[in-house]
Protein backbone atom coordinates (compact mmCIF):
# COMPACT_ATOMS: atom_id res chain seq x y z
CA MET A 1 22.60 -24.50 -4.44
CA THR A 2 20.74 -27.51 -3.11
CA ILE A 3 22.25 -30.78 -1.94
CA VAL A 4 19.93 -33.69 -1.23
CA VAL A 5 21.31 -35.98 1.46
CA SER A 6 19.55 -39.25 2.11
CA LYS A 7 19.67 -41.12 5.40
CA ASP A 8 21.85 -43.89 4.02
CA MET A 9 24.59 -41.60 2.62
CA SER A 10 27.92 -41.89 4.37
CA LYS A 11 29.94 -38.93 5.57
CA ASP A 12 32.52 -39.58 2.85
CA ALA A 13 29.85 -39.51 0.13
CA VAL A 14 28.57 -36.16 1.39
CA GLN A 15 32.13 -34.79 1.47
CA ASP A 16 32.65 -35.93 -2.14
CA VAL A 17 29.49 -34.13 -3.25
CA LEU A 18 30.60 -30.96 -1.48
CA LYS A 19 34.02 -31.07 -3.15
CA GLY A 20 32.29 -30.95 -6.53
CA PHE A 21 30.86 -27.50 -5.87
CA LYS A 22 32.91 -24.41 -6.56
CA LYS A 23 33.43 -22.21 -3.54
CA ASP A 24 32.12 -18.67 -3.73
CA THR A 25 35.15 -16.39 -3.74
CA LYS A 26 33.22 -13.14 -3.71
CA SER A 27 33.84 -10.94 -0.72
CA LEU A 28 31.10 -9.30 1.29
CA LYS A 29 33.45 -6.80 2.93
CA LYS A 30 32.17 -3.99 0.75
CA HIS A 31 28.73 -4.34 2.40
CA PHE A 32 29.98 -4.00 5.99
CA GLY A 33 30.47 -0.79 7.91
CA LYS A 34 28.83 2.56 8.17
CA LEU A 35 26.90 4.33 5.47
CA LYS A 36 28.62 7.44 4.25
CA ARG A 37 26.00 10.15 4.57
CA SER A 38 26.25 13.81 5.32
CA ILE A 39 23.20 13.79 7.59
CA ASP A 40 22.82 13.02 11.27
CA GLY A 41 21.26 9.59 11.94
CA LEU A 42 19.00 10.82 14.74
CA GLU A 43 17.67 13.73 12.69
CA TYR A 44 16.99 11.36 9.79
CA GLN A 45 15.01 8.97 12.03
CA LYS A 46 12.94 11.82 13.44
CA GLU A 47 12.17 13.06 9.94
CA VAL A 48 11.20 9.65 8.59
CA ARG A 49 9.08 8.64 11.59
CA ASN A 50 7.31 11.98 11.66
CA GLU A 51 6.26 11.93 8.01
CA TRP A 52 2.62 11.11 8.77
CA ASN A 53 2.18 13.96 11.28
């Protein structure tokens, strides 16, 4: 979404433009938190970083 605001637009005009847009009601909660893995994080990092040796 892009809104072009010129220097001569009033605050009320900008608010009117913003009211015309639908708010995003999607939740991002499902992306927060820990990953559910059965491996230890430290062991995984050691394995990944040691792949070229």
